Amino acid sequence: MNKLMKSALAIGLMAFVLGACGSDKDAEKRIAELENKLAQLETSKTGGATAATATPETKPEGPLPAFKFNELDHDFGTINEGDVVEHTFSFTNTGDAPLIIQSAKGSCGCTVPTWPKEPIPVGGTGEITAQFNSKGKPNIQNKTVTITANTWPKQSTLRIKAMVTPAAQQAPAEGPVK
């Protein structure tokens, strides 16, 4: 599947989910499932094969680090369009080897994560901060931060959400009366 088709599929599925009836929790669950499927498609490097037909990676042998987050989701509640908010996710390395975070990526340019660049020792703690800029993002927003590390599985996902109150529309300037 080419990138354009994947994007169109993702947008179509998101629109369907957002338009479907049901509770917010059901919609959020469906969105999360679709985001995970999209992430699998985007990270598939099998020469055109989809993630469903790709050979899954095998778990590496030996001691591995492990994330234990205090929370995986954060709700900013209701914020005003244009607000920039951030939340810090704290974690502990509960594994058997130093934890190294290779990257952390937001699901869009409005979500910017920061993470420790140094290895986290066994039993050590760290923080990943997700900053969300709500400019141009009215209404309900669900964003993710995907972390790639030397853990098993290699990727972990954090989620943030907010209800963004749209900014007031300015009336067009009136010209001279004729």
N, C-alpha and C. Protein backbone atom coordinates (compact mmCIF):
# COMPACT_ATOMS: atom_id res chain seq x y z
N MET A 1 0.84 -1.17 0.00
CA MET A 1 0.00 0.00 0.00
C MET A 1 0.89 1.23 0.00
N ASN A 2 0.61 2.18 -0.87
CA ASN A 2 1.45 3.37 -0.86
C ASN A 2 1.01 4.31 0.25
N LYS A 3 1.86 5.29 0.52
CA LYS A 3 1.64 6.20 1.64
C LYS A 3 0.32 6.97 1.51
N LEU A 4 0.00 7.41 0.29
CA LEU A 4 -1.24 8.14 0.06
C LEU A 4 -2.46 7.28 0.38
N MET A 5 -2.43 6.03 -0.06
CA MET A 5 -3.56 5.13 0.22
C MET A 5 -3.68 4.88 1.72
N LYS A 6 -2.54 4.70 2.42
CA LYS A 6 -2.58 4.48 3.86
C LYS A 6 -3.19 5.68 4.57
N SER A 7 -2.77 6.88 4.15
CA SER A 7 -3.30 8.09 4.78
C SER A 7 -4.79 8.21 4.54
N ALA A 8 -5.22 7.95 3.31
CA ALA A 8 -6.65 8.03 2.98
C ALA A 8 -7.45 7.01 3.79
N LEU A 9 -6.91 5.81 3.91
CA LEU A 9 -7.57 4.77 4.70
C LEU A 9 -7.68 5.21 6.15
N ALA A 10 -6.60 5.74 6.70
CA ALA A 10 -6.61 6.17 8.09
C ALA A 10 -7.63 7.28 8.31
N ILE A 11 -7.66 8.26 7.43
CA ILE A 11 -8.61 9.37 7.56
C ILE A 11 -10.04 8.86 7.46
N GLY A 12 -10.28 7.98 6.50
CA GLY A 12 -11.62 7.43 6.34
C GLY A 12 -12.07 6.64 7.56
N LEU A 13 -11.17 5.83 8.08
CA LEU A 13 -11.52 5.05 9.27
C LEU A 13 -11.76 5.95 10.47
N MET A 14 -10.93 6.99 10.63
CA MET A 14 -11.11 7.91 11.75
C MET A 14 -12.46 8.62 11.62
N ALA A 15 -12.81 9.06 10.42
CA ALA A 15 -14.08 9.74 10.21
C ALA A 15 -15.24 8.81 10.54
N PHE A 16 -15.14 7.55 10.11
CA PHE A 16 -16.18 6.58 10.41
C PHE A 16 -16.32 6.40 11.92
N VAL A 17 -15.20 6.23 12.60
CA VAL A 17 -15.23 6.00 14.05
C VAL A 17 -15.81 7.22 14.76
N LEU A 18 -15.38 8.41 14.37
CA LEU A 18 -15.87 9.61 15.04
C LEU A 18 -17.36 9.84 14.77
N GLY A 19 -17.84 9.40 13.62
CA GLY A 19 -19.24 9.60 13.28
C GLY A 19 -20.15 8.51 13.81
N ALA A 20 -19.58 7.40 14.24
CA ALA A 20 -20.38 6.28 14.70
C ALA A 20 -21.02 6.60 16.05
N CYS A 21 -22.16 5.98 16.29
CA CYS A 21 -22.84 6.16 17.57
C CYS A 21 -22.14 5.33 18.62
N GLY A 22 -22.35 5.65 19.88
CA GLY A 22 -21.78 4.88 20.97
C GLY A 22 -21.13 5.81 21.97
N SER A 23 -20.62 5.22 23.01
CA SER A 23 -20.02 6.02 24.07
C SER A 23 -18.65 6.51 23.67
N ASP A 24 -18.16 7.53 24.38
CA ASP A 24 -16.82 8.07 24.13
C ASP A 24 -15.77 6.99 24.32
N LYS A 25 -15.95 6.12 25.32
CA LYS A 25 -14.97 5.06 25.57
C LYS A 25 -14.89 4.10 24.39
N ASP A 26 -16.03 3.77 23.80
CA ASP A 26 -16.04 2.89 22.64
C ASP A 26 -15.30 3.55 21.48
N ALA A 27 -15.58 4.83 21.26
CA ALA A 27 -14.93 5.56 20.16
C ALA A 27 -13.43 5.65 20.40
N GLU A 28 -13.04 5.94 21.64
CA GLU A 28 -11.61 6.04 21.96
C GLU A 28 -10.92 4.70 21.76
N LYS A 29 -11.58 3.62 22.13
CA LYS A 29 -11.00 2.30 21.95
C LYS A 29 -10.81 2.00 20.47
N ARG A 30 -11.82 2.33 19.68
CA ARG A 30 -11.73 2.10 18.23
C ARG A 30 -10.62 2.94 17.61
N ILE A 31 -10.51 4.19 18.05
CA ILE A 31 -9.45 5.07 17.55
C ILE A 31 -8.09 4.49 17.89
N ALA A 32 -7.92 4.03 19.12
CA ALA A 32 -6.64 3.45 19.54
C ALA A 32 -6.30 2.23 18.69
N GLU A 33 -7.31 1.38 18.44
CA GLU A 33 -7.07 0.20 17.61
C GLU A 33 -6.65 0.60 16.20
N LEU A 34 -7.33 1.61 15.64
CA LEU A 34 -6.99 2.07 14.30
C LEU A 34 -5.61 2.71 14.25
N GLU A 35 -5.26 3.48 15.28
CA GLU A 35 -3.93 4.08 15.33
C GLU A 35 -2.86 3.00 15.37
N ASN A 36 -3.11 1.94 16.16
CA ASN A 36 -2.14 0.84 16.24
C ASN A 36 -1.99 0.14 14.89
N LYS A 37 -3.11 -0.10 14.21
CA LYS A 37 -3.05 -0.74 12.89
C LYS A 37 -2.30 0.14 11.90
N LEU A 38 -2.56 1.46 11.95
CA LEU A 38 -1.88 2.38 11.05
C LEU A 38 -0.38 2.40 11.36
N ALA A 39 -0.02 2.42 12.63
CA ALA A 39 1.40 2.41 13.00
C ALA A 39 2.08 1.14 12.50
N GLN A 40 1.38 0.01 12.58
CA GLN A 40 1.94 -1.24 12.06
C GLN A 40 2.17 -1.15 10.56
N LEU A 41 1.21 -0.57 9.84
CA LEU A 41 1.37 -0.42 8.39
C LEU A 41 2.52 0.52 8.05
N GLU A 42 2.62 1.61 8.78
CA GLU A 42 3.65 2.60 8.48
C GLU A 42 5.05 2.08 8.79
N THR A 43 5.18 1.23 9.82
CA THR A 43 6.51 0.75 10.20
C THR A 43 6.88 -0.56 9.52
N SER A 44 5.95 -1.12 8.76
CA SER A 44 6.23 -2.36 8.07
C SER A 44 7.27 -2.11 6.98
N LYS A 45 8.34 -2.85 7.01
CA LYS A 45 9.40 -2.68 6.02
C LYS A 45 9.59 -3.99 5.28
N THR A 46 8.50 -4.48 4.73
CA THR A 46 8.55 -5.79 4.10
C THR A 46 8.40 -5.72 2.59
N GLY A 47 8.75 -4.59 2.01
CA GLY A 47 8.68 -4.48 0.56
C GLY A 47 7.27 -4.56 0.00
N GLY A 48 6.32 -3.91 0.63
CA GLY A 48 4.97 -3.87 0.11
C GLY A 48 4.00 -4.79 0.84
N ALA A 49 4.51 -5.74 1.62
CA ALA A 49 3.62 -6.60 2.38
C ALA A 49 3.02 -5.80 3.53
N THR A 50 1.82 -6.11 3.90
CA THR A 50 1.21 -5.42 5.02
C THR A 50 1.69 -6.05 6.31
N ALA A 51 1.45 -5.35 7.41
CA ALA A 51 1.88 -5.84 8.72
C ALA A 51 1.24 -7.20 9.01
N ALA A 52 0.03 -7.44 8.51
CA ALA A 52 -0.65 -8.70 8.78
C ALA A 52 0.09 -9.88 8.14
N THR A 53 0.79 -9.63 7.02
CA THR A 53 1.49 -10.72 6.35
C THR A 53 2.99 -10.70 6.65
N ALA A 54 3.46 -9.70 7.40
CA ALA A 54 4.87 -9.61 7.71
C ALA A 54 5.25 -10.65 8.76
N THR A 55 6.49 -11.07 8.73
CA THR A 55 6.98 -12.00 9.74
C THR A 55 7.23 -11.22 11.01
N PRO A 56 6.60 -11.61 12.12
CA PRO A 56 6.80 -10.87 13.36
C PRO A 56 8.23 -11.05 13.88
N GLU A 57 8.73 -10.01 14.54
CA GLU A 57 10.05 -10.11 15.13
C GLU A 57 10.00 -11.11 16.28
N THR A 58 11.12 -11.76 16.51
CA THR A 58 11.19 -12.67 17.63
C THR A 58 11.81 -11.94 18.81
N LYS A 59 11.41 -12.36 19.99
CA LYS A 59 11.91 -11.73 21.21
C LYS A 59 13.40 -12.03 21.35
N PRO A 60 14.21 -10.99 21.56
CA PRO A 60 15.65 -11.23 21.73
C PRO A 60 15.92 -12.02 23.01
N GLU A 61 17.00 -12.75 22.99
CA GLU A 61 17.38 -13.52 24.18
C GLU A 61 18.22 -12.65 25.10
N GLY A 62 18.30 -13.07 26.34
CA GLY A 62 19.13 -12.34 27.30
C GLY A 62 18.32 -11.35 28.10
N PRO A 63 18.99 -10.66 29.01
CA PRO A 63 18.28 -9.69 29.87
C PRO A 63 17.80 -8.49 29.05
N LEU A 64 16.60 -8.05 29.36
CA LEU A 64 15.99 -6.92 28.67
C LEU A 64 15.50 -5.88 29.67
N PRO A 65 15.52 -4.62 29.28
CA PRO A 65 14.90 -3.59 30.12
C PRO A 65 13.38 -3.63 29.93
N ALA A 66 12.66 -2.95 30.81
CA ALA A 66 11.20 -2.89 30.70
C ALA A 66 10.70 -1.57 31.29
N PHE A 67 9.73 -0.96 30.60
CA PHE A 67 9.07 0.24 31.10
C PHE A 67 7.99 -0.15 32.10
N LYS A 68 7.86 0.61 33.18
CA LYS A 68 6.68 0.56 34.03
C LYS A 68 6.30 2.02 34.25
N PHE A 69 5.28 2.45 33.49
CA PHE A 69 4.80 3.83 33.59
C PHE A 69 3.82 3.96 34.74
N ASN A 70 3.82 5.12 35.37
CA ASN A 70 2.82 5.42 36.40
C ASN A 70 1.44 5.53 35.78
N GLU A 71 1.39 5.95 34.50
CA GLU A 71 0.14 6.07 33.74
C GLU A 71 0.48 6.03 32.26
N LEU A 72 -0.44 5.55 31.45
CA LEU A 72 -0.24 5.49 30.00
C LEU A 72 -1.10 6.51 29.25
N ASP A 73 -2.08 7.09 29.95
CA ASP A 73 -3.03 8.03 29.34
C ASP A 73 -3.12 9.28 30.21
N HIS A 74 -3.31 10.43 29.55
CA HIS A 74 -3.57 11.67 30.30
C HIS A 74 -4.63 12.47 29.56
N ASP A 75 -5.59 12.98 30.31
CA ASP A 75 -6.67 13.81 29.77
C ASP A 75 -6.46 15.24 30.28
N PHE A 76 -6.20 16.17 29.37
CA PHE A 76 -6.03 17.57 29.75
C PHE A 76 -7.36 18.22 30.10
N GLY A 77 -8.46 17.54 29.82
CA GLY A 77 -9.77 18.13 30.07
C GLY A 77 -10.09 19.15 28.97
N THR A 78 -10.80 20.21 29.34
CA THR A 78 -11.19 21.24 28.37
C THR A 78 -10.15 22.35 28.40
N ILE A 79 -9.61 22.66 27.22
CA ILE A 79 -8.65 23.74 27.07
C ILE A 79 -9.12 24.65 25.93
N ASN A 80 -8.54 25.83 25.83
CA ASN A 80 -8.90 26.77 24.77
C ASN A 80 -7.98 26.58 23.57
N GLU A 81 -8.56 26.70 22.37
CA GLU A 81 -7.75 26.61 21.16
C GLU A 81 -6.63 27.63 21.23
N GLY A 82 -5.43 27.19 20.96
CA GLY A 82 -4.24 28.04 21.03
C GLY A 82 -3.41 27.78 22.28
N ASP A 83 -4.01 27.11 23.28
CA ASP A 83 -3.25 26.77 24.49
C ASP A 83 -2.18 25.74 24.14
N VAL A 84 -1.03 25.85 24.80
CA VAL A 84 0.02 24.85 24.71
C VAL A 84 0.12 24.23 26.10
N VAL A 85 -0.15 22.93 26.17
CA VAL A 85 -0.15 22.23 27.45
C VAL A 85 0.85 21.08 27.37
N GLU A 86 1.29 20.63 28.53
CA GLU A 86 2.20 19.50 28.54
C GLU A 86 1.95 18.63 29.76
N HIS A 87 2.32 17.36 29.61
CA HIS A 87 2.18 16.40 30.70
C HIS A 87 3.43 15.54 30.74
N THR A 88 3.87 15.23 31.95
CA THR A 88 5.05 14.39 32.13
C THR A 88 4.62 13.00 32.58
N PHE A 89 5.05 12.00 31.80
CA PHE A 89 4.82 10.60 32.12
C PHE A 89 6.08 10.06 32.80
N SER A 90 5.95 9.59 34.04
CA SER A 90 7.10 9.06 34.77
C SER A 90 7.14 7.54 34.61
N PHE A 91 8.36 6.99 34.58
CA PHE A 91 8.51 5.55 34.44
C PHE A 91 9.70 5.05 35.24
N THR A 92 9.70 3.74 35.46
CA THR A 92 10.81 3.04 36.10
C THR A 92 11.25 1.92 35.18
N ASN A 93 12.56 1.69 35.13
CA ASN A 93 13.08 0.54 34.38
C ASN A 93 13.00 -0.66 35.32
N THR A 94 11.99 -1.50 35.10
CA THR A 94 11.78 -2.69 35.93
C THR A 94 12.40 -3.93 35.32
N GLY A 95 13.19 -3.76 34.28
CA GLY A 95 13.79 -4.89 33.59
C GLY A 95 15.12 -5.31 34.21
N ASP A 96 15.89 -6.05 33.41
CA ASP A 96 17.16 -6.61 33.87
C ASP A 96 18.37 -6.05 33.13
N ALA A 97 18.19 -4.95 32.41
CA ALA A 97 19.29 -4.34 31.66
C ALA A 97 19.01 -2.84 31.54
N PRO A 98 20.03 -2.02 31.28
CA PRO A 98 19.81 -0.58 31.10
C PRO A 98 18.84 -0.31 29.96
N LEU A 99 17.98 0.68 30.16
CA LEU A 99 16.95 1.06 29.20
C LEU A 99 17.46 2.21 28.34
N ILE A 100 17.40 2.02 27.02
CA ILE A 100 17.84 3.07 26.10
C ILE A 100 16.67 3.41 25.18
N ILE A 101 16.24 4.67 25.22
CA ILE A 101 15.15 5.13 24.35
C ILE A 101 15.78 5.68 23.07
N GLN A 102 15.47 5.03 21.94
CA GLN A 102 16.00 5.49 20.66
C GLN A 102 15.25 6.70 20.14
N SER A 103 13.91 6.69 20.30
CA SER A 103 13.12 7.82 19.79
C SER A 103 11.77 7.86 20.48
N ALA A 104 11.14 9.02 20.37
CA ALA A 104 9.76 9.21 20.81
C ALA A 104 9.14 10.14 19.77
N LYS A 105 8.03 9.72 19.17
CA LYS A 105 7.42 10.50 18.09
C LYS A 105 5.96 10.75 18.39
N GLY A 106 5.55 12.01 18.18
CA GLY A 106 4.15 12.37 18.32
C GLY A 106 3.37 11.96 17.08
N SER A 107 2.07 11.74 17.24
CA SER A 107 1.24 11.31 16.11
C SER A 107 1.02 12.42 15.10
N CYS A 108 1.32 13.67 15.47
CA CYS A 108 1.27 14.77 14.51
C CYS A 108 2.22 15.85 15.00
N GLY A 109 2.42 16.88 14.18
CA GLY A 109 3.35 17.94 14.52
C GLY A 109 2.94 18.76 15.73
N CYS A 110 1.69 18.67 16.14
CA CYS A 110 1.21 19.43 17.30
C CYS A 110 1.59 18.77 18.62
N THR A 111 2.10 17.53 18.57
CA THR A 111 2.47 16.79 19.77
C THR A 111 3.98 16.54 19.74
N VAL A 112 4.70 17.16 20.68
CA VAL A 112 6.15 17.09 20.68
C VAL A 112 6.63 16.46 21.99
N PRO A 113 7.25 15.28 21.90
CA PRO A 113 7.77 14.64 23.10
C PRO A 113 9.24 14.98 23.37
N THR A 114 9.62 14.93 24.63
CA THR A 114 11.03 14.98 25.03
C THR A 114 11.27 13.78 25.93
N TRP A 115 12.48 13.21 25.86
CA TRP A 115 12.78 11.99 26.59
C TRP A 115 14.24 11.98 26.99
N PRO A 116 14.61 11.15 27.97
CA PRO A 116 16.01 11.07 28.39
C PRO A 116 16.87 10.44 27.29
N LYS A 117 18.02 11.04 27.04
CA LYS A 117 18.93 10.53 26.01
C LYS A 117 19.97 9.57 26.61
N GLU A 118 20.13 9.60 27.91
CA GLU A 118 21.08 8.72 28.59
C GLU A 118 20.40 7.42 28.99
N PRO A 119 21.15 6.30 29.06
CA PRO A 119 20.56 5.03 29.50
C PRO A 119 20.00 5.15 30.93
N ILE A 120 18.88 4.48 31.16
CA ILE A 120 18.25 4.43 32.48
C ILE A 120 18.67 3.10 33.11
N PRO A 121 19.38 3.11 34.22
CA PRO A 121 19.84 1.84 34.82
C PRO A 121 18.67 1.02 35.37
N VAL A 122 18.92 -0.24 35.61
CA VAL A 122 17.92 -1.12 36.22
C VAL A 122 17.48 -0.48 37.54
N GLY A 123 16.16 -0.35 37.71
CA GLY A 123 15.62 0.28 38.92
C GLY A 123 15.59 1.80 38.84
N GLY A 124 16.20 2.38 37.82
CA GLY A 124 16.23 3.83 37.66
C GLY A 124 14.92 4.36 37.13
N THR A 125 14.75 5.67 37.25
CA THR A 125 13.52 6.32 36.79
C THR A 125 13.83 7.36 35.72
N GLY A 126 12.80 7.72 34.98
CA GLY A 126 12.92 8.74 33.95
C GLY A 126 11.57 9.35 33.67
N GLU A 127 11.57 10.35 32.78
CA GLU A 127 10.34 11.04 32.42
C GLU A 127 10.30 11.31 30.93
N ILE A 128 9.11 11.18 30.38
CA ILE A 128 8.85 11.56 28.99
C ILE A 128 7.76 12.63 29.06
N THR A 129 8.06 13.78 28.47
CA THR A 129 7.10 14.89 28.48
C THR A 129 6.47 15.02 27.11
N ALA A 130 5.16 15.12 27.08
CA ALA A 130 4.42 15.32 25.83
C ALA A 130 3.81 16.71 25.86
N GLN A 131 4.21 17.54 24.90
CA GLN A 131 3.68 18.90 24.78
C GLN A 131 2.69 18.92 23.61
N PHE A 132 1.51 19.48 23.86
CA PHE A 132 0.46 19.55 22.85
C PHE A 132 0.11 21.01 22.58
N ASN A 133 0.20 21.42 21.30
CA ASN A 133 -0.17 22.77 20.87
C ASN A 133 -1.53 22.68 20.20
N SER A 134 -2.53 23.31 20.80
CA SER A 134 -3.91 23.18 20.32
C SER A 134 -4.27 24.20 19.23
N LYS A 135 -3.32 25.00 18.77
CA LYS A 135 -3.62 25.97 17.73
C LYS A 135 -4.10 25.25 16.47
N GLY A 136 -5.28 25.61 15.99
CA GLY A 136 -5.85 25.00 14.80
C GLY A 136 -6.38 23.59 15.02
N LYS A 137 -6.59 23.21 16.27
CA LYS A 137 -7.05 21.86 16.61
C LYS A 137 -8.31 21.92 17.49
N PRO A 138 -9.43 22.44 16.96
CA PRO A 138 -10.64 22.53 17.79
C PRO A 138 -11.29 21.17 18.01
N ASN A 139 -12.12 21.12 19.04
CA ASN A 139 -12.93 19.95 19.40
C ASN A 139 -12.08 18.85 20.03
N ILE A 140 -12.59 17.62 20.08
CA ILE A 140 -11.90 16.56 20.80
C ILE A 140 -10.63 16.15 20.04
N GLN A 141 -9.55 16.00 20.79
CA GLN A 141 -8.27 15.62 20.21
C GLN A 141 -7.71 14.41 20.97
N ASN A 142 -7.31 13.41 20.23
CA ASN A 142 -6.67 12.21 20.78
C ASN A 142 -5.33 12.07 20.07
N LYS A 143 -4.24 12.15 20.81
CA LYS A 143 -2.90 12.09 20.23
C LYS A 143 -2.10 11.00 20.94
N THR A 144 -1.08 10.52 20.24
CA THR A 144 -0.22 9.48 20.83
C THR A 144 1.24 9.89 20.73
N VAL A 145 2.03 9.30 21.62
CA VAL A 145 3.49 9.38 21.55
C VAL A 145 3.96 7.94 21.49
N THR A 146 4.67 7.60 20.41
CA THR A 146 5.19 6.24 20.25
C THR A 146 6.67 6.24 20.61
N ILE A 147 7.02 5.40 21.58
CA ILE A 147 8.38 5.32 22.08
C ILE A 147 9.03 4.05 21.53
N THR A 148 10.21 4.20 20.97
CA THR A 148 10.99 3.06 20.49
C THR A 148 12.20 2.93 21.41
N ALA A 149 12.35 1.73 21.98
CA ALA A 149 13.44 1.50 22.95
C ALA A 149 13.95 0.07 22.80
N ASN A 150 14.95 -0.27 23.59
CA ASN A 150 15.52 -1.61 23.55
C ASN A 150 14.75 -2.57 24.46
N THR A 151 13.44 -2.42 24.47
CA THR A 151 12.53 -3.25 25.28
C THR A 151 11.89 -4.31 24.39
N TRP A 152 11.06 -5.15 24.98
CA TRP A 152 10.24 -6.08 24.21
C TRP A 152 8.80 -5.90 24.64
N PRO A 153 7.89 -5.53 23.78
CA PRO A 153 8.13 -5.16 22.39
C PRO A 153 8.90 -3.85 22.31
N LYS A 154 9.43 -3.55 21.13
CA LYS A 154 10.28 -2.38 20.93
C LYS A 154 9.52 -1.06 21.08
N GLN A 155 8.22 -1.07 20.81
CA GLN A 155 7.46 0.17 20.88
C GLN A 155 6.43 0.15 22.00
N SER A 156 6.30 1.30 22.64
CA SER A 156 5.29 1.54 23.67
C SER A 156 4.55 2.81 23.27
N THR A 157 3.29 2.92 23.68
CA THR A 157 2.48 4.07 23.28
C THR A 157 1.89 4.76 24.50
N LEU A 158 2.04 6.08 24.52
CA LEU A 158 1.40 6.93 25.52
C LEU A 158 0.31 7.71 24.81
N ARG A 159 -0.77 8.05 25.52
CA ARG A 159 -1.88 8.74 24.89
C ARG A 159 -2.23 10.00 25.69
N ILE A 160 -2.55 11.06 24.93
CA ILE A 160 -3.06 12.28 25.55
C ILE A 160 -4.34 12.66 24.82
N LYS A 161 -5.22 13.35 25.53
CA LYS A 161 -6.44 13.82 24.89
C LYS A 161 -6.86 15.13 25.52
N ALA A 162 -7.67 15.87 24.78
CA ALA A 162 -8.19 17.15 25.27
C ALA A 162 -9.44 17.50 24.49
N MET A 163 -10.31 18.25 25.13
CA MET A 163 -11.45 18.85 24.46
C MET A 163 -11.05 20.30 24.26
N VAL A 164 -10.86 20.70 23.00
CA VAL A 164 -10.36 22.04 22.67
C VAL A 164 -11.54 22.93 22.29
N THR A 165 -11.78 23.96 23.10
CA THR A 165 -12.84 24.92 22.82
C THR A 165 -12.38 25.79 21.66
N PRO A 166 -13.14 25.80 20.56
CA PRO A 166 -12.72 26.59 19.39
C PRO A 166 -12.57 28.06 19.71
N ALA A 167 -11.57 28.68 19.09
CA ALA A 167 -11.36 30.12 19.25
C ALA A 167 -12.52 30.86 18.59
N ALA A 168 -12.87 32.01 19.12
CA ALA A 168 -13.95 32.81 18.55
C ALA A 168 -13.53 33.28 17.17
N GLN A 169 -14.45 33.21 16.23
CA GLN A 169 -14.18 33.68 14.87
C GLN A 169 -14.30 35.19 14.85
N GLN A 170 -13.29 35.86 14.27
CA GLN A 170 -13.35 37.32 14.16
C GLN A 170 -14.20 37.68 12.93
N ALA A 171 -15.04 38.68 13.12
CA ALA A 171 -15.86 39.15 12.01
C ALA A 171 -14.97 39.87 11.01
N PRO A 172 -15.25 39.74 9.72
CA PRO A 172 -14.44 40.45 8.74
C PRO A 172 -14.56 41.95 8.92
N ALA A 173 -13.47 42.65 8.65
CA ALA A 173 -13.47 44.10 8.78
C ALA A 173 -14.42 44.70 7.74
N GLU A 174 -15.21 45.65 8.18
CA GLU A 174 -16.16 46.27 7.25
C GLU A 174 -15.48 47.43 6.55
N GLY A 175 -15.77 47.57 5.29
CA GLY A 175 -15.24 48.67 4.50
C GLY A 175 -16.13 49.89 4.64
N PRO A 176 -15.81 50.95 3.92
CA PRO A 176 -16.64 52.17 4.01
C PRO A 176 -18.04 51.90 3.46
N VAL A 177 -19.02 52.54 4.07
CA VAL A 177 -20.41 52.42 3.64
C VAL A 177 -20.60 53.29 2.42
N LYS A 178 -21.26 52.75 1.40
CA LYS A 178 -21.51 53.52 0.16
C LYS A 178 -22.94 53.83 0.00
